[in-house]
Amino acid sequence: MKHTDIRDYEDIIYLPHHQSDTRPHMTMSERAAQFSPFAALTGHRAIIEETIRQTEEKIT
């Protein structure tokens, strides 16, 4: 893998970050929420809690 030199990007590295004129800036929590449907362990906690509940019922 070739090491990239910062000089390769001199023409763009210090340009200002684009801000949309038509859409409001998103907060970090709003940006994070976009990815929540793709969480690998969605529903994992609920399954564990249900297993604990069933186990406790059998013990008592």
N, C-alpha and C. Protein backbone atom coordinates (compact mmCIF):
# COMPACT_ATOMS: atom_id res chain seq x y z
N MET A 1 0.84 -1.18 0.00
CA MET A 1 0.00 0.00 0.00
C MET A 1 0.89 1.25 0.00
N LYS A 2 0.60 2.16 -0.89
CA LYS A 2 1.40 3.37 -1.02
C LYS A 2 0.99 4.37 0.06
N HIS A 3 1.99 4.95 0.70
CA HIS A 3 1.73 6.01 1.68
C HIS A 3 1.33 7.28 0.94
N THR A 4 0.23 7.88 1.37
CA THR A 4 -0.24 9.11 0.73
C THR A 4 0.37 10.31 1.43
N ASP A 5 0.89 11.21 0.66
CA ASP A 5 1.50 12.42 1.17
C ASP A 5 0.44 13.53 1.18
N ILE A 6 0.42 14.33 2.22
CA ILE A 6 -0.57 15.41 2.33
C ILE A 6 -0.46 16.38 1.15
N ARG A 7 0.73 16.47 0.57
CA ARG A 7 0.91 17.36 -0.58
C ARG A 7 0.09 16.92 -1.79
N ASP A 8 -0.33 15.64 -1.80
CA ASP A 8 -1.18 15.15 -2.90
C ASP A 8 -2.55 15.83 -2.88
N TYR A 9 -2.90 16.41 -1.75
CA TYR A 9 -4.23 17.02 -1.59
C TYR A 9 -4.17 18.52 -1.33
N GLU A 10 -3.06 19.13 -1.63
CA GLU A 10 -2.90 20.56 -1.35
C GLU A 10 -3.98 21.42 -1.98
N ASP A 11 -4.50 21.01 -3.12
CA ASP A 11 -5.50 21.83 -3.81
C ASP A 11 -6.86 21.81 -3.11
N ILE A 12 -7.12 20.81 -2.26
CA ILE A 12 -8.45 20.73 -1.62
C ILE A 12 -8.41 20.68 -0.09
N ILE A 13 -7.26 20.43 0.49
CA ILE A 13 -7.19 20.14 1.92
C ILE A 13 -7.69 21.29 2.80
N TYR A 14 -7.51 22.52 2.39
CA TYR A 14 -7.90 23.65 3.24
C TYR A 14 -9.16 24.35 2.76
N LEU A 15 -9.91 23.73 1.88
CA LEU A 15 -11.18 24.32 1.44
C LEU A 15 -12.17 24.28 2.59
N PRO A 16 -13.09 25.24 2.67
CA PRO A 16 -14.09 25.22 3.74
C PRO A 16 -15.05 24.04 3.56
N HIS A 17 -15.54 23.52 4.69
CA HIS A 17 -16.50 22.42 4.66
C HIS A 17 -17.83 22.92 4.12
N HIS A 18 -18.42 22.17 3.21
CA HIS A 18 -19.69 22.57 2.61
C HIS A 18 -20.83 22.49 3.62
N GLN A 19 -21.65 23.50 3.67
CA GLN A 19 -22.86 23.52 4.49
C GLN A 19 -24.04 23.78 3.56
N SER A 20 -25.06 22.95 3.66
CA SER A 20 -26.22 23.08 2.80
C SER A 20 -26.99 24.37 3.09
N ASP A 21 -27.49 24.99 2.03
CA ASP A 21 -28.33 26.17 2.19
C ASP A 21 -29.79 25.79 2.39
N THR A 22 -30.14 24.54 2.09
CA THR A 22 -31.54 24.13 2.15
C THR A 22 -31.86 23.15 3.27
N ARG A 23 -30.85 22.52 3.85
CA ARG A 23 -31.09 21.55 4.92
C ARG A 23 -30.37 21.99 6.19
N PRO A 24 -31.03 21.84 7.34
CA PRO A 24 -30.38 22.23 8.60
C PRO A 24 -29.24 21.27 8.97
N HIS A 25 -28.27 21.77 9.71
CA HIS A 25 -27.15 20.96 10.17
C HIS A 25 -27.65 19.90 11.16
N MET A 26 -27.21 18.67 11.01
CA MET A 26 -27.64 17.58 11.90
C MET A 26 -26.75 17.53 13.13
N THR A 27 -27.38 17.25 14.27
CA THR A 27 -26.61 17.03 15.49
C THR A 27 -25.96 15.66 15.42
N MET A 28 -25.00 15.40 16.30
CA MET A 28 -24.34 14.09 16.33
C MET A 28 -25.35 12.99 16.62
N SER A 29 -26.31 13.24 17.52
CA SER A 29 -27.30 12.20 17.85
C SER A 29 -28.23 11.94 16.66
N GLU A 30 -28.56 12.97 15.90
CA GLU A 30 -29.39 12.77 14.70
C GLU A 30 -28.63 11.94 13.66
N ARG A 31 -27.34 12.22 13.50
CA ARG A 31 -26.55 11.45 12.55
C ARG A 31 -26.43 10.00 12.99
N ALA A 32 -26.21 9.79 14.29
CA ALA A 32 -26.09 8.43 14.81
C ALA A 32 -27.39 7.66 14.64
N ALA A 33 -28.52 8.34 14.79
CA ALA A 33 -29.82 7.68 14.67
C ALA A 33 -30.04 7.12 13.27
N GLN A 34 -29.40 7.68 12.27
CA GLN A 34 -29.54 7.17 10.91
C GLN A 34 -29.06 5.73 10.81
N PHE A 35 -28.12 5.35 11.64
CA PHE A 35 -27.52 4.03 11.55
C PHE A 35 -28.11 3.03 12.55
N SER A 36 -28.97 3.48 13.44
CA SER A 36 -29.50 2.58 14.46
C SER A 36 -30.28 1.40 13.89
N PRO A 37 -31.01 1.53 12.77
CA PRO A 37 -31.70 0.35 12.25
C PRO A 37 -30.75 -0.75 11.82
N PHE A 38 -29.48 -0.45 11.65
CA PHE A 38 -28.52 -1.43 11.19
C PHE A 38 -27.70 -2.01 12.34
N ALA A 39 -28.11 -1.74 13.58
CA ALA A 39 -27.38 -2.25 14.73
C ALA A 39 -27.37 -3.78 14.69
N ALA A 40 -26.21 -4.36 14.84
CA ALA A 40 -26.07 -5.81 14.72
C ALA A 40 -26.81 -6.56 15.82
N LEU A 41 -26.95 -5.97 16.99
CA LEU A 41 -27.56 -6.66 18.12
C LEU A 41 -28.95 -6.14 18.45
N THR A 42 -29.67 -5.66 17.45
CA THR A 42 -31.03 -5.18 17.69
C THR A 42 -31.87 -6.30 18.29
N GLY A 43 -32.49 -6.02 19.44
CA GLY A 43 -33.34 -7.01 20.09
C GLY A 43 -32.58 -7.97 20.99
N HIS A 44 -31.26 -7.88 21.01
CA HIS A 44 -30.44 -8.80 21.80
C HIS A 44 -30.79 -8.71 23.28
N ARG A 45 -30.88 -7.50 23.82
CA ARG A 45 -31.18 -7.32 25.24
C ARG A 45 -32.54 -7.91 25.59
N ALA A 46 -33.53 -7.71 24.75
CA ALA A 46 -34.87 -8.25 25.02
C ALA A 46 -34.85 -9.78 25.08
N ILE A 47 -34.09 -10.40 24.22
CA ILE A 47 -33.99 -11.87 24.23
C ILE A 47 -33.31 -12.35 25.51
N ILE A 48 -32.26 -11.68 25.93
CA ILE A 48 -31.57 -12.05 27.17
C ILE A 48 -32.51 -11.89 28.36
N GLU A 49 -33.23 -10.77 28.41
CA GLU A 49 -34.14 -10.53 29.54
C GLU A 49 -35.26 -11.56 29.58
N GLU A 50 -35.75 -11.96 28.42
CA GLU A 50 -36.80 -12.99 28.37
C GLU A 50 -36.24 -14.33 28.83
N THR A 51 -35.02 -14.66 28.45
CA THR A 51 -34.39 -15.91 28.90
C THR A 51 -34.21 -15.90 30.41
N ILE A 52 -33.79 -14.77 30.96
CA ILE A 52 -33.63 -14.64 32.42
C ILE A 52 -34.98 -14.83 33.10
N ARG A 53 -36.02 -14.20 32.55
CA ARG A 53 -37.36 -14.31 33.15
C ARG A 53 -37.82 -15.77 33.16
N GLN A 54 -37.66 -16.46 32.04
CA GLN A 54 -38.09 -17.86 31.97
C GLN A 54 -37.30 -18.74 32.93
N THR A 55 -36.00 -18.47 33.04
CA THR A 55 -35.15 -19.26 33.93
C THR A 55 -35.56 -19.03 35.38
N GLU A 56 -35.80 -17.79 35.75
CA GLU A 56 -36.20 -17.47 37.12
C GLU A 56 -37.53 -18.10 37.46
N GLU A 57 -38.46 -18.17 36.50
CA GLU A 57 -39.75 -18.82 36.75
C GLU A 57 -39.57 -20.30 37.05
N LYS A 58 -38.67 -20.97 36.34
CA LYS A 58 -38.42 -22.40 36.54
C LYS A 58 -37.75 -22.66 37.89
N ILE A 59 -36.90 -21.74 38.34
CA ILE A 59 -36.18 -21.92 39.60
C ILE A 59 -37.12 -21.75 40.78
N THR A 60 -38.03 -20.81 40.71
CA THR A 60 -38.92 -20.53 41.86
C THR A 60 -40.13 -21.39 41.89
